[in-house]
Amino acid sequence: MAYIVKMPKLGLEMKSGELAAWLVEEGGAVTEGEPIAEIESEKTTAEITAKEDGVLRRVLLAEGDSTAPGGVVAIVAEADEDISSLEAEAGVGDADAGAEDAEAAEEEPETATAEASSASQSAVTQQKPAEQEQTKEASDVRASPRAKQLADELGVDLTTVEGTGFQGSITEEDVEGAAESAPSEGGAAAADAATSSEGAAGKRVFAPPSARRLARELGVEISQVEGTGQNGRITESDVRAAAESGGVSEGEAVAAEAEPVEMERPLSGMRRTIADRLGQSYRESVHVTVNRRADAEELLAAADAADDALGVDVSISDVLILAVSAALDEYPAFNATFEDDVHQLHESHHICIAVDIDEGLIAPVVRDVDSLSLAELAETRIEVTQRALSGDYTMDDLTGGTFTISNLGVLGVESFDPIINPPQVAILGVNTIRKEVVPTDDGDVAVRRVISFSLSFDHRIVDGADAARFLGSLVEHVEKPWPLVIAAGGR
């Protein structure tokens, strides 16, 4: 049964999806349940799978293009099935001729005079027969988006290429073959280009967007990487292994050293969203950051004790989250969002944990922290973090947060000004733990481990004095965490 493939909605806040890569060429067979394309939304990546067996008859969204959820992406049908009704429903014609005729009509000067009409007719009449034949053939060309792009890169005239794909559709292999066999000077140059890129288009590459981006960053030719993932898919580990083993040829390395080039890196859908949201936050919120230090000895001891007692991998992050939740209980104005001039205080503590992934910074949510036991909190934090790092998260994992924690201390950062995660009103930056010489109560000095915090808040909503009190409460719970740990351990 023929059907239109549409852009799926990956989350409530998804506005558009980008077609990152086609895994099946136009005219290729598809299998029910198997991926046919990779897509990327503002915050996540996913695959489009085939609903039924069939043939990818029409590709309607080229790689790199975007459409809204529900937008048409492709048409799948049996090889000999009539798809004209689906093409009409999708808003496309039976061939590319209509589009080319429309372009020609736009280029034709508008005139109503008989003289202009006569001159136009004369120009058509005087056109050489060969040119007329070539124009006619151009309107009948059927080629996959990849083949068209490759033809542009290699300077191959698609009207001269014999298609071997479905119903005579031109494939990448057809373009390469035409480039290599071209006798003219231009064809020879195209052949050289085709030879130099052999492998890049000579075999189908199955790799997620994150692996492709990593390959570009490391200078690895993705088509030369041996995939170890499912069905030979290339993983980020495969790309790193190729880079370590010399994924760039010696000649390419020498050329790169001798002739450094500038590189333009277009923003991915996720990176664009991060840029838009943080730019919006910085423009609209009145950011103020206050800092304070705390003795970390009891924090570390409590985390170690809970780890031993509960049989769960409890870290200082979990005890810190408990301390933040306790401070939010005392100062609920910070467990809030601000939208449409409404400062909404939330009862439950849905705390976001910033996680650094290849595509950018995301903040999955640990929900209902105030009602979780310490063991449940640790397990949930580990689960959402692992989903984020592996790319298995969904948009729902990233929405609904009421407060955010960003820990750059694990990277040795001593102080920073975190940017508020809109529509929230505050974010806590956690800095590195350092050993410092501090005075003791008996007038002596001692070496203690100290942690510092940076609280950024929206001064439109809360005042500096409130932020200072919130930090004071947090420091008190960090320096005396045992009541929190005991209470949460018994939930």
Protein backbone atom coordinates (compact mmCIF):
# COMPACT_ATOMS: atom_id res chain seq x y z
CA MET A 1 0.00 0.00 0.00
CA ALA A 2 1.46 3.36 -1.04
CA TYR A 3 1.86 6.05 1.61
CA ILE A 4 3.42 9.45 2.23
CA VAL A 5 6.31 9.56 4.68
CA LYS A 6 5.94 12.57 6.97
CA MET A 7 8.21 14.36 9.42
CA PRO A 8 7.46 12.89 12.87
CA LYS A 9 6.88 15.08 15.92
CA LEU A 10 9.63 14.26 18.42
CA GLY A 11 8.28 16.35 21.28
CA LEU A 12 5.68 18.89 22.29
CA GLU A 13 8.03 21.82 21.62
CA MET A 14 9.36 20.62 18.25
CA LYS A 15 8.87 23.28 15.58
CA SER A 16 10.77 21.77 12.64
CA GLY A 17 12.91 18.79 11.70
CA GLU A 18 15.96 18.69 9.46
CA LEU A 19 16.59 15.78 7.10
CA ALA A 20 20.13 14.91 8.19
CA ALA A 21 20.76 11.91 5.93
CA TRP A 22 18.93 9.55 3.61
CA LEU A 23 19.78 5.93 4.39
CA VAL A 24 18.01 4.65 1.24
CA GLU A 25 18.36 6.20 -2.21
CA GLU A 26 15.37 7.08 -4.33
CA GLY A 27 14.36 3.89 -6.11
CA GLY A 28 15.82 1.69 -3.37
CA ALA A 29 13.91 -1.00 -1.52
CA VAL A 30 12.71 -0.33 2.04
CA THR A 31 11.80 -2.87 4.71
CA GLU A 32 9.12 -2.45 7.34
CA GLY A 33 10.60 -1.28 10.63
CA GLU A 34 14.00 -0.46 9.13
CA PRO A 35 15.35 3.13 9.12
CA ILE A 36 15.19 5.01 5.83
CA ALA A 37 16.35 8.46 6.98
CA GLU A 38 17.92 10.30 9.87
CA ILE A 39 16.37 13.51 11.14
CA GLU A 40 17.41 16.16 13.62
CA SER A 41 15.12 18.48 15.57
CA GLU A 42 15.95 21.42 17.78
CA LYS A 43 17.09 19.18 20.62
CA THR A 44 17.40 15.58 19.48
CA THR A 45 18.13 13.20 16.61
CA ALA A 46 16.03 10.25 15.47
CA GLU A 47 15.32 7.93 12.56
CA ILE A 48 12.34 7.61 10.27
CA THR A 49 11.43 3.96 9.80
CA ALA A 50 9.43 2.37 7.01
CA LYS A 51 5.82 1.49 7.90
CA GLU A 52 5.65 -1.21 5.22
CA ASP A 53 7.85 -2.94 2.67
CA GLY A 54 8.14 -1.19 -0.68
CA VAL A 55 10.27 1.14 -2.78
CA LEU A 56 11.32 4.71 -2.00
CA ARG A 57 9.60 6.09 -5.08
CA ARG A 58 9.98 9.85 -4.48
CA VAL A 59 12.34 11.81 -2.21
CA LEU A 60 10.58 15.09 -1.43
CA LEU A 61 12.94 16.57 1.17
CA ALA A 62 16.64 16.90 0.39
CA GLU A 63 19.38 16.42 2.96
CA GLY A 64 19.90 19.60 4.95
CA ASP A 65 16.36 20.86 4.32
CA SER A 66 13.77 21.24 7.06
CA THR A 67 10.03 20.97 7.39
CA ALA A 68 7.47 21.22 10.18
CA PRO A 69 6.16 18.10 11.93
CA GLY A 70 3.74 16.42 9.55
CA GLY A 71 5.48 17.86 6.50
CA VAL A 72 5.97 15.56 3.52
CA VAL A 73 9.33 13.81 3.28
CA ALA A 74 8.95 11.03 0.72
CA ILE A 75 6.59 8.59 -0.97
CA VAL A 76 6.87 4.82 -0.52
CA ALA A 77 4.98 2.39 -2.75
CA GLU A 78 5.31 -0.82 -4.71
CA ALA A 79 7.58 -0.63 -7.75
CA ASP A 80 4.73 -0.57 -10.28
CA GLU A 81 2.09 1.18 -8.16
CA ASP A 82 0.46 4.41 -9.37
CA ILE A 83 1.42 7.23 -7.00
CA SER A 84 -0.04 10.16 -8.92
CA SER A 85 -2.74 10.76 -6.27
CA LEU A 86 -0.12 10.80 -3.50
CA GLU A 87 2.05 13.17 -5.52
CA ALA A 88 -0.93 15.49 -5.89
CA GLU A 89 -1.65 15.23 -2.16
CA ALA A 90 2.00 16.01 -1.41
CA GLY A 91 1.89 18.99 -3.76
CA VAL A 92 4.41 17.70 -6.32
CA GLY A 93 4.13 16.97 -10.00
CA ASP A 94 4.88 13.76 -11.85
CA ALA A 95 8.25 15.07 -12.96
CA ASP A 96 10.49 18.08 -12.60
CA ALA A 97 9.22 19.58 -15.86
CA GLY A 98 6.59 21.72 -14.18
CA ALA A 99 9.12 23.39 -11.92
CA GLU A 100 11.50 24.05 -14.79
CA ASP A 101 8.71 25.44 -16.96
CA ALA A 102 7.73 27.74 -14.09
CA GLU A 103 11.30 28.95 -13.74
CA ALA A 104 11.49 29.59 -17.47
CA ALA A 105 8.23 31.53 -17.32
CA GLU A 106 9.57 33.71 -14.52
CA GLU A 107 12.73 34.45 -16.49
CA GLU A 108 10.74 35.38 -19.62
CA PRO A 109 10.16 39.17 -19.74
CA GLU A 110 6.56 40.20 -19.31
CA THR A 111 5.26 41.90 -22.46
CA ALA A 112 1.99 42.14 -24.28
CA THR A 113 3.27 43.62 -27.54
CA ALA A 114 3.16 41.69 -30.78
CA GLU A 115 6.74 42.74 -31.53
CA ALA A 116 8.07 41.12 -28.31
CA SER A 117 6.01 38.02 -28.93
CA SER A 118 7.31 37.79 -32.50
CA ALA A 119 10.91 38.23 -31.35
CA SER A 120 10.48 35.53 -28.74
CA GLN A 121 8.99 33.17 -31.32
CA SER A 122 11.85 33.98 -33.71
CA ALA A 123 14.43 33.18 -31.04
CA VAL A 124 12.84 29.82 -30.42
CA THR A 125 12.62 29.09 -34.15
CA GLN A 126 16.29 29.91 -34.67
CA GLN A 127 17.42 27.69 -31.79
CA LYS A 128 19.67 24.86 -32.93
CA PRO A 129 18.00 21.44 -33.15
CA ALA A 130 20.57 19.95 -30.74
CA GLU A 131 19.81 22.66 -28.17
CA GLN A 132 16.09 22.05 -28.53
CA GLU A 133 16.59 18.34 -27.99
CA GLN A 134 18.77 18.94 -24.92
CA THR A 135 16.18 21.32 -23.39
CA LYS A 136 13.51 18.73 -23.90
CA GLU A 137 15.64 16.04 -22.26
CA ALA A 138 16.44 18.29 -19.30
CA SER A 139 12.77 18.48 -18.40
CA ASP A 140 12.59 14.67 -18.24
CA VAL A 141 15.60 14.10 -15.97
CA ARG A 142 14.88 12.06 -12.84
CA ALA A 143 17.68 11.94 -10.31
CA SER A 144 18.01 11.53 -6.57
CA PRO A 145 18.97 14.66 -4.56
CA ARG A 146 22.39 13.15 -3.84
CA ALA A 147 22.94 12.47 -7.54
CA LYS A 148 22.00 16.05 -8.45
CA GLN A 149 24.35 17.44 -5.83
CA LEU A 150 27.19 15.19 -6.99
CA ALA A 151 26.56 16.18 -10.62
CA ASP A 152 26.90 19.85 -9.65
CA GLU A 153 30.16 19.13 -7.82
CA LEU A 154 31.65 17.12 -10.69
CA GLY A 155 30.32 19.32 -13.51
CA VAL A 156 28.31 16.50 -15.07
CA ASP A 157 25.39 17.35 -17.37
CA LEU A 158 22.56 15.11 -16.16
CA THR A 159 20.89 15.19 -19.58
CA THR A 160 23.80 13.12 -20.91
CA VAL A 161 23.65 10.48 -18.17
CA GLU A 162 21.87 7.17 -18.61
CA GLY A 163 20.00 6.34 -15.42
CA THR A 164 20.13 2.81 -14.03
CA GLY A 165 17.91 3.38 -10.99
CA PHE A 166 14.22 2.85 -10.54
CA GLN A 167 12.31 3.74 -13.73
CA GLY A 168 15.52 5.17 -15.22
CA SER A 169 16.29 7.43 -12.25
CA ILE A 170 19.90 8.63 -12.17
CA THR A 171 21.93 7.42 -9.18
CA GLU A 172 25.23 8.62 -7.72
CA GLU A 173 26.99 5.69 -9.39
CA ASP A 174 25.61 6.79 -12.77
CA VAL A 175 27.02 10.30 -12.23
CA GLU A 176 30.42 8.97 -11.22
CA GLY A 177 30.51 6.67 -14.23
CA ALA A 178 29.66 9.56 -16.54
CA ALA A 179 32.35 11.73 -14.93
CA GLU A 180 35.03 9.06 -15.30
CA SER A 181 34.19 8.31 -18.94
CA ALA A 182 33.79 11.95 -20.04
CA PRO A 183 36.20 12.54 -23.00
CA SER A 184 36.22 16.33 -22.93
CA GLU A 185 38.58 18.55 -20.97
CA GLY A 186 35.77 19.43 -18.60
CA GLY A 187 34.89 15.75 -18.35
CA ALA A 188 38.49 14.88 -17.53
CA ALA A 189 38.47 17.39 -14.71
CA ALA A 190 35.23 15.90 -13.48
CA ALA A 191 36.74 12.43 -13.69
CA ASP A 192 39.72 13.58 -11.63
CA ALA A 193 37.33 14.99 -9.05
CA ALA A 194 35.34 11.78 -9.04
CA THR A 195 38.51 9.73 -8.59
CA SER A 196 39.71 11.91 -5.73
CA SER A 197 36.37 11.48 -3.96
CA GLU A 198 36.16 7.76 -4.60
CA GLY A 199 34.58 6.15 -1.61
CA ALA A 200 32.79 9.31 -0.53
CA ALA A 201 30.08 8.60 -3.05
CA GLY A 202 31.13 5.13 -4.20
CA LYS A 203 29.56 3.35 -1.24
CA ARG A 204 26.56 4.11 0.93
CA VAL A 205 27.54 5.49 4.30
CA PHE A 206 25.37 4.67 7.30
CA ALA A 207 26.26 7.05 10.12
CA PRO A 208 24.24 9.24 12.50
CA PRO A 209 24.64 13.04 12.32
CA SER A 210 26.81 13.08 15.45
CA ALA A 211 29.31 10.66 13.86
CA ARG A 212 29.37 12.67 10.63
CA ARG A 213 30.03 15.92 12.51
CA LEU A 214 32.78 14.29 14.54
CA ALA A 215 34.38 12.99 11.33
CA ARG A 216 34.41 16.52 9.89
CA GLU A 217 35.92 17.91 13.09
CA LEU A 218 38.67 15.26 13.18
CA GLY A 219 39.38 15.40 9.45
CA VAL A 220 38.31 11.78 8.88
CA GLU A 221 36.80 10.71 5.55
CA ILE A 222 33.57 9.12 6.77
CA SER A 223 33.31 6.75 3.78
CA GLN A 224 36.65 5.19 4.72
CA VAL A 225 35.54 4.30 8.25
CA GLU A 226 34.62 0.70 9.02
CA GLY A 227 31.33 0.64 10.92
CA THR A 228 30.96 -1.66 13.92
CA GLY A 229 27.40 -0.68 14.83
CA GLN A 230 24.18 -2.43 13.93
CA ASN A 231 24.08 -3.41 10.26
CA GLY A 232 27.50 -1.84 9.75
CA ARG A 233 26.49 1.64 10.99
CA ILE A 234 29.38 3.95 11.83
CA THR A 235 29.54 5.07 15.46
CA GLU A 236 31.45 7.94 17.05
CA SER A 237 33.88 5.36 18.48
CA ASP A 238 34.57 4.12 14.94
CA VAL A 239 35.36 7.69 13.84
CA ARG A 240 37.71 8.26 16.78
CA ALA A 241 39.45 4.93 16.10
CA ALA A 242 39.91 5.91 12.45
CA ALA A 243 41.34 9.28 13.50
CA GLU A 244 43.80 7.63 15.91
CA SER A 245 44.90 5.14 13.27
CA GLY A 246 45.48 7.85 10.68
CA GLY A 247 42.10 8.45 9.08
CA VAL A 248 43.68 11.24 7.01
CA SER A 249 46.06 10.12 4.28
CA GLU A 250 49.68 11.33 4.30
CA GLY A 251 49.13 13.34 1.14
CA GLU A 252 46.09 15.05 2.61
CA ALA A 253 47.97 15.78 5.82
CA VAL A 254 50.88 17.35 3.92
CA ALA A 255 48.45 19.42 1.83
CA ALA A 256 46.66 20.55 4.98
CA GLU A 257 49.93 21.65 6.57
CA ALA A 258 51.13 23.43 3.44
CA GLU A 259 47.86 25.14 2.65
CA PRO A 260 45.72 25.91 5.70
CA VAL A 261 42.12 26.73 4.85
CA GLU A 262 39.25 28.36 6.62
CA MET A 263 36.24 26.21 7.35
CA GLU A 264 32.62 27.22 7.58
CA ARG A 265 30.59 25.06 9.92
CA PRO A 266 26.83 25.53 9.50
CA LEU A 267 24.84 25.29 12.72
CA SER A 268 22.88 22.10 13.25
CA GLY A 269 19.23 22.31 14.22
CA MET A 270 20.11 21.65 17.84
CA ARG A 271 22.91 24.21 17.87
CA ARG A 272 20.59 26.80 16.32
CA THR A 273 18.04 26.17 19.05
CA ILE A 274 20.68 26.48 21.77
CA ALA A 275 21.87 29.74 20.21
CA ASP A 276 18.33 31.10 19.93
CA ARG A 277 17.26 30.16 23.47
CA LEU A 278 20.40 31.37 25.21
CA GLY A 279 20.46 34.52 23.10
CA GLN A 280 16.85 35.14 24.08
CA SER A 281 17.67 34.52 27.74
CA TYR A 282 20.62 36.91 27.70
CA ARG A 283 18.65 39.62 25.89
CA GLU A 284 15.45 39.41 27.92
CA SER A 285 16.56 38.40 31.43
CA VAL A 286 18.40 40.76 33.73
CA HIS A 287 21.25 38.41 34.61
CA VAL A 288 22.97 38.85 37.95
CA THR A 289 25.39 36.32 39.42
CA VAL A 290 26.33 35.98 43.09
CA ASN A 291 29.00 33.65 44.45
CA ARG A 292 29.66 31.90 47.74
CA ARG A 293 31.95 29.18 49.08
CA ALA A 294 31.17 26.25 51.38
CA ASP A 295 33.17 23.69 53.31
CA ALA A 296 32.85 20.43 51.35
CA GLU A 297 34.22 17.91 53.88
CA GLU A 298 30.84 16.79 55.24
CA LEU A 299 29.33 16.78 51.75
CA LEU A 300 31.98 14.33 50.56
CA ALA A 301 31.68 12.20 53.70
CA ALA A 302 27.89 12.00 53.41
CA ALA A 303 28.06 10.95 49.76
CA ASP A 304 30.59 8.20 50.58
CA ALA A 305 28.50 6.95 53.51
CA ALA A 306 25.29 6.87 51.46
CA ASP A 307 27.08 5.08 48.64
CA ASP A 308 28.21 2.34 51.03
CA ALA A 309 24.90 2.06 52.89
CA LEU A 310 22.41 2.11 50.00
CA GLY A 311 24.22 -0.14 47.52
CA VAL A 312 23.60 2.46 44.82
CA ASP A 313 26.16 4.63 43.06
CA VAL A 314 25.54 7.79 45.10
CA SER A 315 27.76 10.74 44.20
CA ILE A 316 28.22 14.23 45.63
CA SER A 317 25.96 15.42 42.79
CA ASP A 318 23.04 13.56 44.38
CA VAL A 319 23.66 15.08 47.81
CA LEU A 320 24.03 18.50 46.17
CA ILE A 321 20.66 18.04 44.45
CA LEU A 322 19.14 17.25 47.85
CA ALA A 323 20.67 20.45 49.25
CA VAL A 324 19.34 22.50 46.33
CA SER A 325 15.88 21.01 46.77
CA ALA A 326 15.94 21.89 50.48
CA ALA A 327 16.92 25.49 49.65
CA LEU A 328 14.12 25.67 47.07
CA ASP A 329 11.69 24.58 49.76
CA GLU A 330 12.73 27.56 51.85
CA TYR A 331 12.85 30.01 48.93
CA PRO A 332 10.20 28.85 46.40
CA ALA A 333 10.57 31.99 44.28
CA PHE A 334 13.60 30.31 42.69
CA ASN A 335 11.70 27.11 41.83
CA ALA A 336 9.79 29.00 39.20
CA THR A 337 9.30 30.07 35.61
CA PHE A 338 8.55 33.46 34.09
CA GLU A 339 6.44 33.62 30.93
CA ASP A 340 3.97 36.19 29.59
CA ASP A 341 4.68 38.46 32.57
CA VAL A 342 3.62 35.73 34.99
CA HIS A 343 5.97 34.53 37.75
CA GLN A 344 4.75 30.98 38.31
CA LEU A 345 5.97 29.17 41.42
CA HIS A 346 5.97 25.39 41.07
CA GLU A 347 5.20 22.98 43.87
CA SER A 348 7.30 20.05 42.62
CA HIS A 349 11.05 20.32 42.16
CA HIS A 350 11.88 19.30 38.57
CA ILE A 351 15.63 19.94 38.53
CA CYS A 352 17.54 20.02 35.25
CA ILE A 353 21.09 18.65 35.13
CA ALA A 354 23.26 20.18 32.40
CA VAL A 355 24.94 17.48 30.29
CA ASP A 356 27.64 18.10 27.67
CA ILE A 357 27.08 16.03 24.51
CA ASP A 358 28.69 16.24 21.06
CA GLU A 359 25.83 18.30 19.61
CA GLY A 360 25.84 20.84 22.43
CA LEU A 361 24.65 21.37 25.98
CA ILE A 362 21.31 19.87 27.02
CA ALA A 363 19.61 19.73 30.41
CA PRO A 364 17.54 16.59 31.04
CA VAL A 365 15.10 16.79 33.94
CA VAL A 366 15.15 14.83 37.19
CA ARG A 367 11.50 15.07 38.15
CA ASP A 368 9.93 15.30 41.63
CA VAL A 369 13.27 15.50 43.44
CA ASP A 370 11.47 16.59 46.60
CA SER A 371 9.60 13.27 46.80
CA LEU A 372 12.39 10.86 45.76
CA SER A 373 14.47 8.75 48.11
CA LEU A 374 18.21 9.22 47.84
CA ALA A 375 18.54 5.85 46.07
CA GLU A 376 15.78 6.77 43.61
CA LEU A 377 17.38 10.15 43.03
CA ALA A 378 20.78 8.60 42.25
CA GLU A 379 19.28 6.01 39.92
CA THR A 380 17.16 8.61 38.10
CA ARG A 381 20.07 11.01 37.70
CA ILE A 382 22.26 8.25 36.26
CA GLU A 383 19.49 7.12 33.92
CA VAL A 384 18.70 10.54 32.44
CA THR A 385 22.39 11.36 32.11
CA GLN A 386 23.15 8.11 30.30
CA ARG A 387 20.20 8.63 27.96
CA ALA A 388 21.52 12.08 27.15
CA LEU A 389 25.06 10.87 26.50
CA SER A 390 23.93 7.95 24.34
CA GLY A 391 21.48 10.06 22.33
CA ASP A 392 18.46 8.01 23.46
CA TYR A 393 16.70 10.92 25.09
CA THR A 394 13.43 12.45 23.89
CA MET A 395 12.08 15.99 23.91
CA ASP A 396 9.99 15.07 26.94
CA ASP A 397 13.24 14.46 28.87
CA LEU A 398 14.18 18.10 28.29
CA THR A 399 10.95 19.92 29.10
CA GLY A 400 9.19 20.94 32.29
CA GLY A 401 12.22 21.85 34.40
CA THR A 402 11.87 24.40 37.20
CA PHE A 403 15.53 24.94 38.18
CA THR A 404 18.88 24.03 36.60
CA ILE A 405 22.26 22.92 37.95
CA SER A 406 25.36 23.26 35.75
CA ASN A 407 28.53 21.63 37.09
CA LEU A 408 31.70 22.86 35.41
CA GLY A 409 33.68 22.02 38.51
CA VAL A 410 34.33 18.55 37.11
CA LEU A 411 36.36 20.34 34.39
CA GLY A 412 38.37 22.34 36.90
CA VAL A 413 36.44 25.62 36.54
CA GLU A 414 36.77 27.82 39.61
CA SER A 415 34.10 30.41 38.76
CA PHE A 416 31.68 31.19 35.92
CA ASP A 417 28.45 33.03 35.20
CA PRO A 418 25.88 30.44 34.06
CA ILE A 419 23.15 31.58 31.66
CA ILE A 420 19.58 31.11 32.86
CA ASN A 421 17.69 28.31 31.12
CA PRO A 422 14.44 30.01 29.97
CA PRO A 423 11.71 30.18 31.10
CA GLN A 424 13.28 29.40 34.48
CA VAL A 425 14.37 32.27 36.70
CA ALA A 426 17.61 30.91 38.15
CA ILE A 427 20.49 28.50 37.58
CA LEU A 428 23.17 27.24 39.94
CA GLY A 429 26.76 26.91 38.76
CA VAL A 430 28.85 24.37 40.68
CA ASN A 431 32.59 25.02 40.69
CA THR A 432 35.57 22.79 41.41
CA ILE A 433 36.48 21.53 44.88
CA ARG A 434 39.84 22.90 46.05
CA LYS A 435 42.01 22.45 49.09
CA GLU A 436 42.42 25.68 51.03
CA VAL A 437 43.97 26.81 54.26
CA VAL A 438 41.15 28.10 56.47
CA PRO A 439 41.02 29.41 60.04
CA THR A 440 39.50 27.16 62.69
CA ASP A 441 37.30 28.09 65.65
CA ASP A 442 40.19 27.67 68.12
CA GLY A 443 42.31 30.25 66.29
CA ASP A 444 44.42 27.73 64.40
CA VAL A 445 44.42 26.94 60.68
CA ALA A 446 43.61 23.76 58.77
CA VAL A 447 43.57 22.48 55.21
CA ARG A 448 39.97 21.88 54.13
CA ARG A 449 38.28 20.99 50.86
CA VAL A 450 36.13 23.89 49.75
CA ILE A 451 33.47 24.14 47.02
CA SER A 452 32.11 27.36 45.52
CA PHE A 453 28.76 28.14 43.91
CA SER A 454 27.67 30.73 41.32
CA LEU A 455 23.96 31.54 41.32
CA SER A 456 22.61 33.43 38.29
CA PHE A 457 19.10 34.83 38.63
CA ASP A 458 16.70 37.09 36.77
CA HIS A 459 16.73 40.37 38.68
CA ARG A 460 13.37 41.28 37.17
CA ILE A 461 11.79 38.53 39.27
CA VAL A 462 13.90 38.14 42.42
CA ASP A 463 16.21 40.51 44.26
CA GLY A 464 19.86 40.21 45.19
CA ALA A 465 19.04 39.87 48.89
CA ASP A 466 16.79 36.90 48.12
CA ALA A 467 19.58 35.32 46.08
CA ALA A 468 22.00 35.82 48.95
CA ARG A 469 19.58 34.15 51.37
CA PHE A 470 19.05 31.25 48.96
CA LEU A 471 22.81 30.72 48.70
CA GLY A 472 23.11 30.96 52.47
CA SER A 473 20.53 28.20 52.87
CA LEU A 474 22.31 26.08 50.26
CA VAL A 475 25.67 26.49 52.00
CA GLU A 476 24.14 25.51 55.34
CA HIS A 477 22.70 22.28 53.88
CA VAL A 478 25.97 21.50 52.07
CA GLU A 479 28.02 21.92 55.24
CA LYS A 480 25.48 19.97 57.33
CA PRO A 481 24.02 17.42 54.89
CA TRP A 482 23.38 14.55 57.30
CA PRO A 483 19.73 15.38 58.15
CA LEU A 484 18.90 15.55 54.42
CA VAL A 485 20.71 12.31 53.65
CA ILE A 486 19.09 10.44 56.55
CA ALA A 487 15.60 11.73 55.69
CA ALA A 488 15.94 10.98 51.96
CA GLY A 489 17.53 7.61 52.70
CA GLY A 490 14.44 6.56 54.62
CA ARG A 491 11.82 7.64 52.06
